[in-house]
């Protein structure tokens, strides 16, 4: 595992608060794993889950008091991404702002490069 910084991925304070609440409820681990997988309506989609520990090769970013782990392949697509959270009833939830995305869908959960 190596250390990264917020130039890779950054959480807003609102996202960090929601993630802390979810981590306490889920009790699956203290690390937030951000991954990008094939699929979604634009070819690639974001996946969030909790992990008890980083994997070999992971990049650890401490942002807004939250330990975030990213695998090297995902890091290529994430650089400069911000993760925000909105509790709005319409269009609420986690929102990714990825400067590498050339197109994204209206749900904000998939993109293409």
PDB file of N, CA and C in Angstrom:
ATOM      1  N   UNK A   1       0.850  -1.176   0.000  1.00  0.00           N
ATOM      2  CA  UNK A   1       0.000   0.000   0.000  1.00  0.00           C
ATOM      3  C   UNK A   1       0.894   1.238   0.000  1.00  0.00           C
ATOM      4  N   UNK A   2       0.446   2.242  -0.735  1.00  0.00           N
ATOM      5  CA  UNK A   2       1.178   3.502  -0.738  1.00  0.00           C
ATOM      6  C   UNK A   2       0.218   4.642  -0.431  1.00  0.00           C
ATOM      7  N   UNK A   3       0.775   5.753  -0.005  1.00  0.00           N
ATOM      8  CA  UNK A   3      -0.030   6.919   0.348  1.00  0.00           C
ATOM      9  C   UNK A   3      -0.235   7.802  -0.870  1.00  0.00           C
ATOM     10  N   UNK A   4      -1.456   8.259  -1.044  1.00  0.00           N
ATOM     11  CA  UNK A   4      -1.784   9.219  -2.079  1.00  0.00           C
ATOM     12  C   UNK A   4      -2.257  10.500  -1.415  1.00  0.00           C
ATOM     13  N   UNK A   5      -2.804  11.408  -2.208  1.00  0.00           N
ATOM     14  CA  UNK A   5      -3.326  12.645  -1.631  1.00  0.00           C
ATOM     15  C   UNK A   5      -4.628  13.022  -2.325  1.00  0.00           C
ATOM     16  N   UNK A   6      -5.161  14.152  -1.931  1.00  0.00           N
ATOM     17  CA  UNK A   6      -6.462  14.587  -2.445  1.00  0.00           C
ATOM     18  C   UNK A   6      -6.429  14.970  -3.920  1.00  0.00           C
ATOM     19  N   UNK A   7      -5.256  14.960  -4.562  1.00  0.00           N
ATOM     20  CA  UNK A   7      -5.219  15.160  -6.011  1.00  0.00           C
ATOM     21  C   UNK A   7      -5.809  13.957  -6.732  1.00  0.00           C
ATOM     22  N   UNK A   8      -5.874  12.812  -6.038  1.00  0.00           N
ATOM     23  CA  UNK A   8      -6.472  11.609  -6.616  1.00  0.00           C
ATOM     24  C   UNK A   8      -7.980  11.622  -6.405  1.00  0.00           C
ATOM     25  N   UNK A   9      -8.406  11.710  -5.169  1.00  0.00           N
ATOM     26  CA  UNK A   9      -9.827  11.738  -4.841  1.00  0.00           C
ATOM     27  C   UNK A   9     -10.006  12.568  -3.574  1.00  0.00           C
ATOM     28  N   UNK A  10     -11.100  13.329  -3.543  1.00  0.00           N
ATOM     29  CA  UNK A  10     -11.363  14.215  -2.403  1.00  0.00           C
ATOM     30  C   UNK A  10     -12.827  14.092  -2.021  1.00  0.00           C
ATOM     31  N   UNK A  11     -13.073  13.981  -0.714  1.00  0.00           N
ATOM     32  CA  UNK A  11     -14.445  13.960  -0.207  1.00  0.00           C
ATOM     33  C   UNK A  11     -14.809  15.342   0.311  1.00  0.00           C
ATOM     34  N   UNK A  12     -16.042  15.740   0.082  1.00  0.00           N
ATOM     35  CA  UNK A  12     -16.531  16.968   0.706  1.00  0.00           C
ATOM     36  C   UNK A  12     -16.876  16.639   2.155  1.00  0.00           C
ATOM     37  N   UNK A  13     -16.998  17.639   3.012  1.00  0.00           N
ATOM     38  CA  UNK A  13     -17.406  17.368   4.389  1.00  0.00           C
ATOM     39  C   UNK A  13     -18.750  16.638   4.478  1.00  0.00           C
ATOM     40  N   UNK A  14     -19.687  16.966   3.598  1.00  0.00           N
ATOM     41  CA  UNK A  14     -20.999  16.295   3.612  1.00  0.00           C
ATOM     42  C   UNK A  14     -20.853  14.816   3.284  1.00  0.00           C
ATOM     43  N   UNK A  15     -20.015  14.484   2.304  1.00  0.00           N
ATOM     44  CA  UNK A  15     -19.783  13.079   1.939  1.00  0.00           C
ATOM     45  C   UNK A  15     -19.098  12.349   3.090  1.00  0.00           C
ATOM     46  N   UNK A  16     -18.121  12.985   3.717  1.00  0.00           N
ATOM     47  CA  UNK A  16     -17.410  12.354   4.832  1.00  0.00           C
ATOM     48  C   UNK A  16     -18.350  12.059   5.997  1.00  0.00           C
ATOM     49  N   UNK A  17     -19.259  12.976   6.304  1.00  0.00           N
ATOM     50  CA  UNK A  17     -20.223  12.742   7.392  1.00  0.00           C
ATOM     51  C   UNK A  17     -21.124  11.560   7.081  1.00  0.00           C
ATOM     52  N   UNK A  18     -21.627  11.488   5.852  1.00  0.00           N
ATOM     53  CA  UNK A  18     -22.508  10.387   5.472  1.00  0.00           C
ATOM     54  C   UNK A  18     -21.757   9.058   5.482  1.00  0.00           C
ATOM     55  N   UNK A  19     -20.537   9.057   4.991  1.00  0.00           N
ATOM     56  CA  UNK A  19     -19.735   7.835   4.978  1.00  0.00           C
ATOM     57  C   UNK A  19     -19.450   7.363   6.405  1.00  0.00           C
ATOM     58  N   UNK A  20     -19.133   8.284   7.304  1.00  0.00           N
ATOM     59  CA  UNK A  20     -18.897   7.903   8.706  1.00  0.00           C
ATOM     60  C   UNK A  20     -20.143   7.270   9.316  1.00  0.00           C
ATOM     61  N   UNK A  21     -21.311   7.836   9.028  1.00  0.00           N
ATOM     62  CA  UNK A  21     -22.565   7.275   9.551  1.00  0.00           C
ATOM     63  C   UNK A  21     -22.824   5.890   8.968  1.00  0.00           C
ATOM     64  N   UNK A  22     -22.590   5.722   7.679  1.00  0.00           N
ATOM     65  CA  UNK A  22     -22.795   4.422   7.031  1.00  0.00           C
ATOM     66  C   UNK A  22     -21.795   3.387   7.542  1.00  0.00           C
ATOM     67  N   UNK A  23     -20.543   3.788   7.741  1.00  0.00           N
ATOM     68  CA  UNK A  23     -19.517   2.863   8.237  1.00  0.00           C
ATOM     69  C   UNK A  23     -19.881   2.357   9.626  1.00  0.00           C
ATOM     70  N   UNK A  24     -20.395   3.260  10.469  1.00  0.00           N
ATOM     71  CA  UNK A  24     -20.802   2.861  11.817  1.00  0.00           C
ATOM     72  C   UNK A  24     -21.977   1.895  11.761  1.00  0.00           C
ATOM     73  N   UNK A  25     -22.905   2.119  10.847  1.00  0.00           N
ATOM     74  CA  UNK A  25     -24.077   1.255  10.717  1.00  0.00           C
ATOM     75  C   UNK A  25     -23.725  -0.097  10.106  1.00  0.00           C
ATOM     76  N   UNK A  26     -22.929  -0.085   9.037  1.00  0.00           N
ATOM     77  CA  UNK A  26     -22.609  -1.307   8.299  1.00  0.00           C
ATOM     78  C   UNK A  26     -21.600  -2.200   9.022  1.00  0.00           C
ATOM     79  N   UNK A  27     -20.643  -1.591   9.709  1.00  0.00           N
ATOM     80  CA  UNK A  27     -19.581  -2.297  10.429  1.00  0.00           C
ATOM     81  C   UNK A  27     -18.865  -3.336   9.560  1.00  0.00           C
ATOM     82  N   UNK A  28     -18.515  -2.931   8.330  1.00  0.00           N
ATOM     83  CA  UNK A  28     -17.777  -3.790   7.410  1.00  0.00           C
ATOM     84  C   UNK A  28     -16.303  -3.404   7.328  1.00  0.00           C
ATOM     85  N   UNK A  29     -15.937  -2.314   7.973  1.00  0.00           N
ATOM     86  CA  UNK A  29     -14.551  -1.843   7.955  1.00  0.00           C
ATOM     87  C   UNK A  29     -14.510  -0.334   7.939  1.00  0.00           C
ATOM     88  N   UNK A  30     -13.359   0.210   8.271  1.00  0.00           N
ATOM     89  CA  UNK A  30     -13.223   1.657   8.368  1.00  0.00           C
ATOM     90  C   UNK A  30     -12.779   2.319   7.072  1.00  0.00           C
ATOM     91  N   UNK A  31     -12.302   1.525   6.100  1.00  0.00           N
ATOM     92  CA  UNK A  31     -11.818   2.083   4.835  1.00  0.00           C
ATOM     93  C   UNK A  31     -12.941   2.121   3.811  1.00  0.00           C
ATOM     94  N   UNK A  32     -13.054   3.244   3.123  1.00  0.00           N
ATOM     95  CA  UNK A  32     -13.985   3.340   2.001  1.00  0.00           C
ATOM     96  C   UNK A  32     -13.228   2.945   0.747  1.00  0.00           C
ATOM     97  N   UNK A  33     -13.690   1.909   0.064  1.00  0.00           N
ATOM     98  CA  UNK A  33     -13.079   1.495  -1.202  1.00  0.00           C
ATOM     99  C   UNK A  33     -13.876   2.118  -2.340  1.00  0.00           C
ATOM    100  N   UNK A  34     -13.187   2.882  -3.173  1.00  0.00           N
ATOM    101  CA  UNK A  34     -13.780   3.457  -4.374  1.00  0.00           C
ATOM    102  C   UNK A  34     -13.212   2.679  -5.550  1.00  0.00           C
ATOM    103  N   UNK A  35     -14.101   2.137  -6.366  1.00  0.00           N
ATOM    104  CA  UNK A  35     -13.662   1.355  -7.516  1.00  0.00           C
ATOM    105  C   UNK A  35     -14.454   1.769  -8.747  1.00  0.00           C
ATOM    106  N   UNK A  36     -13.871   1.509  -9.889  1.00  0.00           N
ATOM    107  CA  UNK A  36     -14.547   1.737 -11.159  1.00  0.00           C
ATOM    108  C   UNK A  36     -14.600   0.394 -11.868  1.00  0.00           C
ATOM    109  N   UNK A  37     -15.795   0.037 -12.317  1.00  0.00           N
ATOM    110  CA  UNK A  37     -15.982  -1.233 -13.008  1.00  0.00           C
ATOM    111  C   UNK A  37     -16.655  -0.988 -14.350  1.00  0.00           C
ATOM    112  N   UNK A  38     -16.549  -1.963 -15.223  1.00  0.00           N
ATOM    113  CA  UNK A  38     -17.245  -1.886 -16.498  1.00  0.00           C
ATOM    114  C   UNK A  38     -18.735  -2.040 -16.269  1.00  0.00           C
ATOM    115  N   UNK A  39     -19.525  -1.309 -17.028  1.00  0.00           N
ATOM    116  CA  UNK A  39     -20.975  -1.389 -16.906  1.00  0.00           C
ATOM    117  C   UNK A  39     -21.602  -0.020 -16.808  1.00  0.00           C
ATOM    118  N   UNK A  40     -22.879   0.014 -16.569  1.00  0.00           N
ATOM    119  CA  UNK A  40     -23.593   1.277 -16.517  1.00  0.00           C
ATOM    120  C   UNK A  40     -23.953   1.742 -17.910  1.00  0.00           C
ATOM    121  N   UNK A  41     -24.758   2.769 -17.998  1.00  0.00           N
ATOM    122  CA  UNK A  41     -25.248   3.203 -19.304  1.00  0.00           C
ATOM    123  C   UNK A  41     -24.199   3.963 -20.109  1.00  0.00           C
ATOM    124  N   UNK A  42     -23.048   4.301 -19.512  1.00  0.00           N
ATOM    125  CA  UNK A  42     -21.992   4.990 -20.253  1.00  0.00           C
ATOM    126  C   UNK A  42     -20.686   4.209 -20.305  1.00  0.00           C
ATOM    127  N   UNK A  43     -20.695   2.946 -19.907  1.00  0.00           N
ATOM    128  CA  UNK A  43     -19.506   2.114 -20.066  1.00  0.00           C
ATOM    129  C   UNK A  43     -18.736   1.825 -18.796  1.00  0.00           C
ATOM    130  N   UNK A  44     -18.628   2.772 -17.886  1.00  0.00           N
ATOM    131  CA  UNK A  44     -17.920   2.596 -16.619  1.00  0.00           C
ATOM    132  C   UNK A  44     -18.817   3.074 -15.492  1.00  0.00           C
ATOM    133  N   UNK A  45     -18.726   2.410 -14.333  1.00  0.00           N
ATOM    134  CA  UNK A  45     -19.547   2.855 -13.205  1.00  0.00           C
ATOM    135  C   UNK A  45     -18.737   2.840 -11.916  1.00  0.00           C
ATOM    136  N   UNK A  46     -19.140   3.696 -10.995  1.00  0.00           N
ATOM    137  CA  UNK A  46     -18.492   3.811  -9.696  1.00  0.00           C
ATOM    138  C   UNK A  46     -19.084   2.799  -8.726  1.00  0.00           C
ATOM    139  N   UNK A  47     -18.222   2.246  -7.863  1.00  0.00           N
ATOM    140  CA  UNK A  47     -18.665   1.347  -6.807  1.00  0.00           C
ATOM    141  C   UNK A  47     -18.052   1.823  -5.497  1.00  0.00           C
ATOM    142  N   UNK A  48     -18.869   1.874  -4.467  1.00  0.00           N
ATOM    143  CA  UNK A  48     -18.412   2.230  -3.128  1.00  0.00           C
ATOM    144  C   UNK A  48     -18.723   1.070  -2.199  1.00  0.00           C
ATOM    145  N   UNK A  49     -17.762   0.717  -1.349  1.00  0.00           N
ATOM    146  CA  UNK A  49     -18.024  -0.268  -0.313  1.00  0.00           C
ATOM    147  C   UNK A  49     -16.992  -0.082   0.786  1.00  0.00           C
ATOM    148  N   UNK A  50     -17.239  -0.720   1.914  1.00  0.00           N
ATOM    149  CA  UNK A  50     -16.317  -0.614   3.034  1.00  0.00           C
ATOM    150  C   UNK A  50     -15.397  -1.818   3.049  1.00  0.00           C
ATOM    151  N   UNK A  51     -14.179  -1.609   3.543  1.00  0.00           N
ATOM    152  CA  UNK A  51     -13.187  -2.673   3.634  1.00  0.00           C
ATOM    153  C   UNK A  51     -12.522  -2.603   5.009  1.00  0.00           C
ATOM    154  N   UNK A  52     -12.200  -3.778   5.537  1.00  0.00           N
ATOM    155  CA  UNK A  52     -11.543  -3.842   6.841  1.00  0.00           C
ATOM    156  C   UNK A  52     -10.079  -3.423   6.750  1.00  0.00           C
ATOM    157  N   UNK A  53      -9.460  -3.678   5.593  1.00  0.00           N
ATOM    158  CA  UNK A  53      -8.058  -3.297   5.413  1.00  0.00           C
ATOM    159  C   UNK A  53      -7.760  -3.116   3.931  1.00  0.00           C
ATOM    160  N   UNK A  54      -6.706  -2.347   3.626  1.00  0.00           N
ATOM    161  CA  UNK A  54      -6.310  -2.162   2.229  1.00  0.00           C
ATOM    162  C   UNK A  54      -5.731  -3.462   1.661  1.00  0.00           C
ATOM    163  N   UNK A  55      -5.729  -3.575   0.346  1.00  0.00           N
ATOM    164  CA  UNK A  55      -5.100  -4.696  -0.356  1.00  0.00           C
ATOM    165  C   UNK A  55      -3.699  -4.283  -0.800  1.00  0.00           C
ATOM    166  N   UNK A  56      -2.898  -5.268  -1.126  1.00  0.00           N
ATOM    167  CA  UNK A  56      -1.566  -4.988  -1.666  1.00  0.00           C
ATOM    168  C   UNK A  56      -1.724  -4.159  -2.939  1.00  0.00           C
ATOM    169  N   UNK A  57      -0.938  -3.120  -3.070  1.00  0.00           N
ATOM    170  CA  UNK A  57      -0.988  -2.272  -4.253  1.00  0.00           C
ATOM    171  C   UNK A  57      -1.959  -1.108  -4.155  1.00  0.00           C
ATOM    172  N   UNK A  58      -2.844  -1.115  -3.149  1.00  0.00           N
ATOM    173  CA  UNK A  58      -3.810  -0.026  -2.997  1.00  0.00           C
ATOM    174  C   UNK A  58      -3.120   1.304  -2.719  1.00  0.00           C
ATOM    175  N   UNK A  59      -3.810   2.358  -3.070  1.00  0.00           N
ATOM    176  CA  UNK A  59      -3.384   3.718  -2.749  1.00  0.00           C
ATOM    177  C   UNK A  59      -4.328   4.217  -1.662  1.00  0.00           C
ATOM    178  N   UNK A  60      -3.764   4.699  -0.560  1.00  0.00           N
ATOM    179  CA  UNK A  60      -4.546   5.215   0.561  1.00  0.00           C
ATOM    180  C   UNK A  60      -4.558   6.736   0.513  1.00  0.00           C
ATOM    181  N   UNK A  61      -5.751   7.308   0.523  1.00  0.00           N
ATOM    182  CA  UNK A  61      -5.909   8.757   0.567  1.00  0.00           C
ATOM    183  C   UNK A  61      -6.716   9.092   1.816  1.00  0.00           C
ATOM    184  N   UNK A  62      -6.165   9.949   2.648  1.00  0.00           N
ATOM    185  CA  UNK A  62      -6.913  10.418   3.823  1.00  0.00           C
ATOM    186  C   UNK A  62      -7.496  11.775   3.442  1.00  0.00           C
ATOM    187  N   UNK A  63      -8.823  11.823   3.388  1.00  0.00           N
ATOM    188  CA  UNK A  63      -9.508  13.036   2.954  1.00  0.00           C
ATOM    189  C   UNK A  63     -10.708  13.289   3.837  1.00  0.00           C
ATOM    190  N   UNK A  64     -10.824  14.502   4.346  1.00  0.00           N
ATOM    191  CA  UNK A  64     -11.927  14.905   5.222  1.00  0.00           C
ATOM    192  C   UNK A  64     -12.075  13.930   6.396  1.00  0.00           C
ATOM    193  N   UNK A  65     -10.931  13.439   6.902  1.00  0.00           N
ATOM    194  CA  UNK A  65     -10.940  12.537   8.040  1.00  0.00           C
ATOM    195  C   UNK A  65     -11.344  11.105   7.713  1.00  0.00           C
ATOM    196  N   UNK A  66     -11.434  10.773   6.432  1.00  0.00           N
ATOM    197  CA  UNK A  66     -11.873   9.447   6.002  1.00  0.00           C
ATOM    198  C   UNK A  66     -10.754   8.737   5.249  1.00  0.00           C
ATOM    199  N   UNK A  67     -10.432   7.493   5.633  1.00  0.00           N
ATOM    200  CA  UNK A  67      -9.445   6.739   4.859  1.00  0.00           C
ATOM    201  C   UNK A  67     -10.106   6.098   3.638  1.00  0.00           C
ATOM    202  N   UNK A  68      -9.636   6.488   2.450  1.00  0.00           N
ATOM    203  CA  UNK A  68     -10.183   5.991   1.188  1.00  0.00           C
ATOM    204  C   UNK A  68      -9.100   5.165   0.506  1.00  0.00           C
ATOM    205  N   UNK A  69      -9.460   3.958   0.038  1.00  0.00           N
ATOM    206  CA  UNK A  69      -8.509   3.129  -0.695  1.00  0.00           C
ATOM    207  C   UNK A  69      -8.974   2.963  -2.135  1.00  0.00           C
ATOM    208  N   UNK A  70      -7.985   2.994  -3.037  1.00  0.00           N
ATOM    209  CA  UNK A  70      -8.231   2.917  -4.477  1.00  0.00           C
ATOM    210  C   UNK A  70      -7.197   1.972  -5.071  1.00  0.00           C
ATOM    211  N   UNK A  71      -7.621   1.059  -5.934  1.00  0.00           N
ATOM    212  CA  UNK A  71      -6.652   0.195  -6.607  1.00  0.00           C
ATOM    213  C   UNK A  71      -5.993   0.988  -7.737  1.00  0.00           C
ATOM    214  N   UNK A  72      -4.802   0.571  -8.178  1.00  0.00           N
ATOM    215  CA  UNK A  72      -4.071   1.340  -9.199  1.00  0.00           C
ATOM    216  C   UNK A  72      -4.830   1.523 -10.513  1.00  0.00           C
ATOM    217  N   UNK A  73      -5.587   0.527 -10.951  1.00  0.00           N
ATOM    218  CA  UNK A  73      -6.338   0.658 -12.205  1.00  0.00           C
ATOM    219  C   UNK A  73      -7.411   1.739 -12.072  1.00  0.00           C
ATOM    220  N   UNK A  74      -8.135   1.722 -10.960  1.00  0.00           N
ATOM    221  CA  UNK A  74      -9.164   2.739 -10.720  1.00  0.00           C
ATOM    222  C   UNK A  74      -8.542   4.126 -10.642  1.00  0.00           C
ATOM    223  N   UNK A  75      -7.349   4.219 -10.058  1.00  0.00           N
ATOM    224  CA  UNK A  75      -6.688   5.523  -9.890  1.00  0.00           C
ATOM    225  C   UNK A  75      -6.495   6.231 -11.225  1.00  0.00           C
ATOM    226  N   UNK A  76      -6.279   5.464 -12.288  1.00  0.00           N
ATOM    227  CA  UNK A  76      -6.093   6.070 -13.614  1.00  0.00           C
ATOM    228  C   UNK A  76      -7.319   6.868 -14.056  1.00  0.00           C
ATOM    229  N   UNK A  77      -8.502   6.405 -13.665  1.00  0.00           N
ATOM    230  CA  UNK A  77      -9.751   7.057 -14.064  1.00  0.00           C
ATOM    231  C   UNK A  77     -10.232   8.101 -13.053  1.00  0.00           C
ATOM    232  N   UNK A  78      -9.752   8.015 -11.813  1.00  0.00           N
ATOM    233  CA  UNK A  78     -10.280   8.861 -10.739  1.00  0.00           C
ATOM    234  C   UNK A  78      -9.571  10.191 -10.567  1.00  0.00           C
ATOM    235  N   UNK A  79      -8.362  10.329 -11.040  1.00  0.00           N
ATOM    236  CA  UNK A  79      -7.533  11.486 -10.702  1.00  0.00           C
ATOM    237  C   UNK A  79      -8.305  12.803 -10.769  1.00  0.00           C
ATOM    238  N   UNK A  80      -8.331  13.495  -9.632  1.00  0.00           N
ATOM    239  CA  UNK A  80      -9.007  14.785  -9.548  1.00  0.00           C
ATOM    240  C   UNK A  80     -10.488  14.706  -9.225  1.00  0.00           C
ATOM    241  N   UNK A  81     -10.997  13.524  -8.906  1.00  0.00           N
ATOM    242  CA  UNK A  81     -12.428  13.353  -8.647  1.00  0.00           C
ATOM    243  C   UNK A  81     -12.815  13.822  -7.252  1.00  0.00           C
ATOM    244  N   UNK A  82     -13.964  14.455  -7.177  1.00  0.00           N
ATOM    245  CA  UNK A  82     -14.542  14.862  -5.896  1.00  0.00           C
ATOM    246  C   UNK A  82     -15.817  14.064  -5.670  1.00  0.00           C
ATOM    247  N   UNK A  83     -15.992  13.580  -4.441  1.00  0.00           N
ATOM    248  CA  UNK A  83     -17.204  12.878  -4.057  1.00  0.00           C
ATOM    249  C   UNK A  83     -17.969  13.745  -3.067  1.00  0.00           C
ATOM    250  N   UNK A  84     -19.207  14.052  -3.422  1.00  0.00           N
ATOM    251  CA  UNK A  84     -20.070  14.886  -2.582  1.00  0.00           C
ATOM    252  C   UNK A  84     -21.299  14.070  -2.196  1.00  0.00           C
ATOM    253  N   UNK A  85     -22.050  14.584  -1.238  1.00  0.00           N
ATOM    254  CA  UNK A  85     -23.299  13.936  -0.827  1.00  0.00           C
ATOM    255  C   UNK A  85     -24.359  15.008  -0.618  1.00  0.00           C
ATOM    256  N   UNK A  86     -25.556  14.713  -1.099  1.00  0.00           N
ATOM    257  CA  UNK A  86     -26.694  15.610  -0.896  1.00  0.00           C
ATOM    258  C   UNK A  86     -27.841  14.804  -0.312  1.00  0.00           C
ATOM    259  N   UNK A  87     -28.510  15.361   0.674  1.00  0.00           N
ATOM    260  CA  UNK A  87     -29.662  14.677   1.271  1.00  0.00           C
ATOM    261  C   UNK A  87     -30.976  15.147   0.644  1.00  0.00           C
ATOM    262  N   UNK A  88     -30.882  15.846  -0.480  1.00  0.00           N
ATOM    263  CA  UNK A  88     -32.090  16.332  -1.157  1.00  0.00           C
ATOM    264  C   UNK A  88     -32.982  15.152  -1.553  1.00  0.00           C
ATOM    265  N   UNK A  89     -34.291  15.365  -1.496  1.00  0.00           N
ATOM    266  CA  UNK A  89     -35.224  14.296  -1.831  1.00  0.00           C
ATOM    267  C   UNK A  89     -35.189  13.967  -3.322  1.00  0.00           C
ATOM    268  N   UNK A  90     -34.948  14.956  -4.140  1.00  0.00           N
ATOM    269  CA  UNK A  90     -34.839  14.741  -5.582  1.00  0.00           C
ATOM    270  C   UNK A  90     -33.372  14.913  -5.954  1.00  0.00           C
ATOM    271  N   UNK A  91     -32.825  13.929  -6.653  1.00  0.00           N
ATOM    272  CA  UNK A  91     -31.427  13.937  -7.099  1.00  0.00           C
ATOM    273  C   UNK A  91     -30.438  13.977  -5.940  1.00  0.00           C
ATOM    274  N   UNK A  92     -30.805  13.398  -4.801  1.00  0.00           N
ATOM    275  CA  UNK A  92     -29.908  13.320  -3.654  1.00  0.00           C
ATOM    276  C   UNK A  92     -28.999  12.113  -3.759  1.00  0.00           C
ATOM    277  N   UNK A  93     -28.123  11.958  -2.778  1.00  0.00           N
ATOM    278  CA  UNK A  93     -27.209  10.822  -2.725  1.00  0.00           C
ATOM    279  C   UNK A  93     -25.790  11.247  -3.031  1.00  0.00           C
ATOM    280  N   UNK A  94     -24.927  10.261  -3.259  1.00  0.00           N
ATOM    281  CA  UNK A  94     -23.533  10.540  -3.579  1.00  0.00           C
ATOM    282  C   UNK A  94     -23.409  10.987  -5.028  1.00  0.00           C
ATOM    283  N   UNK A  95     -22.572  11.990  -5.240  1.00  0.00           N
ATOM    284  CA  UNK A  95     -22.341  12.534  -6.581  1.00  0.00           C
ATOM    285  C   UNK A  95     -20.840  12.624  -6.841  1.00  0.00           C
ATOM    286  N   UNK A  96     -20.418  12.054  -7.944  1.00  0.00           N
ATOM    287  CA  UNK A  96     -19.028  12.110  -8.359  1.00  0.00           C
ATOM    288  C   UNK A  96     -18.849  13.242  -9.363  1.00  0.00           C
ATOM    289  N   UNK A  97     -17.829  14.069  -9.146  1.00  0.00           N
ATOM    290  CA  UNK A  97     -17.416  15.080 -10.123  1.00  0.00           C
ATOM    291  C   UNK A  97     -16.042  14.656 -10.610  1.00  0.00           C
ATOM    292  N   UNK A  98     -16.007  14.065 -11.809  1.00  0.00           N
ATOM    293  CA  UNK A  98     -14.780  13.496 -12.343  1.00  0.00           C
ATOM    294  C   UNK A  98     -14.341  14.302 -13.568  1.00  0.00           C
ATOM    295  N   UNK A  99     -13.202  15.005 -13.475  1.00  0.00           N
ATOM    296  CA  UNK A  99     -12.745  15.816 -14.614  1.00  0.00           C
ATOM    297  C   UNK A  99     -12.300  14.974 -15.810  1.00  0.00           C
ATOM    298  N   UNK A 100     -12.110  13.660 -15.617  1.00  0.00           N
ATOM    299  CA  UNK A 100     -11.677  12.780 -16.700  1.00  0.00           C
ATOM    300  C   UNK A 100     -12.835  12.269 -17.543  1.00  0.00           C
ATOM    301  N   UNK A 101     -14.060  12.402 -17.042  1.00  0.00           N
ATOM    302  CA  UNK A 101     -15.225  11.869 -17.745  1.00  0.00           C
ATOM    303  C   UNK A 101     -15.562  12.755 -18.942  1.00  0.00           C
ATOM    304  N   UNK A 102     -15.676  12.140 -20.089  1.00  0.00           N
ATOM    305  CA  UNK A 102     -16.062  12.874 -21.296  1.00  0.00           C
ATOM    306  C   UNK A 102     -17.581  12.938 -21.427  1.00  0.00           C
ATOM    307  N   UNK A 103     -18.253  11.940 -20.860  1.00  0.00           N
ATOM    308  CA  UNK A 103     -19.714  11.906 -20.851  1.00  0.00           C
ATOM    309  C   UNK A 103     -20.152  11.159 -19.609  1.00  0.00           C
ATOM    310  N   UNK A 104     -21.307  11.532 -19.080  1.00  0.00           N
ATOM    311  CA  UNK A 104     -21.854  10.810 -17.939  1.00  0.00           C
ATOM    312  C   UNK A 104     -23.362  10.753 -18.080  1.00  0.00           C
ATOM    313  N   UNK A 105     -23.964   9.831 -17.373  1.00  0.00           N
ATOM    314  CA  UNK A 105     -25.413   9.691 -17.476  1.00  0.00           C
ATOM    315  C   UNK A 105     -26.093  10.589 -16.448  1.00  0.00           C
ATOM    316  N   UNK A 106     -27.373  10.739 -16.560  1.00  0.00           N
ATOM    317  CA  UNK A 106     -28.106  11.636 -15.667  1.00  0.00           C
ATOM    318  C   UNK A 106     -28.111  11.151 -14.227  1.00  0.00           C
ATOM    319  N   UNK A 107     -27.952   9.837 -14.008  1.00  0.00           N
ATOM    320  CA  UNK A 107     -27.939   9.325 -12.643  1.00  0.00           C
ATOM    321  C   UNK A 107     -26.615   9.628 -11.947  1.00  0.00           C
ATOM    322  N   UNK A 108     -25.559   9.950 -12.711  1.00  0.00           N
ATOM    323  CA  UNK A 108     -24.267  10.278 -12.133  1.00  0.00           C
ATOM    324  C   UNK A 108     -23.476   9.080 -11.661  1.00  0.00           C
ATOM    325  N   UNK A 109     -23.944   7.875 -11.954  1.00  0.00           N
ATOM    326  CA  UNK A 109     -23.267   6.685 -11.480  1.00  0.00           C
ATOM    327  C   UNK A 109     -22.435   6.000 -12.552  1.00  0.00           C
ATOM    328  N   UNK A 110     -22.539   6.454 -13.803  1.00  0.00           N
ATOM    329  CA  UNK A 110     -21.683   5.881 -14.835  1.00  0.00           C
ATOM    330  C   UNK A 110     -21.149   7.002 -15.723  1.00  0.00           C
ATOM    331  N   UNK A 111     -20.045   6.673 -16.413  1.00  0.00           N
ATOM    332  CA  UNK A 111     -19.397   7.694 -17.239  1.00  0.00           C
ATOM    333  C   UNK A 111     -18.570   7.012 -18.312  1.00  0.00           C
ATOM    334  N   UNK A 112     -18.042   7.792 -19.215  1.00  0.00           N
ATOM    335  CA  UNK A 112     -17.121   7.272 -20.226  1.00  0.00           C
ATOM    336  C   UNK A 112     -15.943   8.242 -20.330  1.00  0.00           C
ATOM    337  N   UNK A 113     -14.822   7.720 -20.819  1.00  0.00           N
ATOM    338  CA  UNK A 113     -13.625   8.547 -20.964  1.00  0.00           C
ATOM    339  C   UNK A 113     -13.177   8.569 -22.413  1.00  0.00           C
TER     340      UNK A 113
END
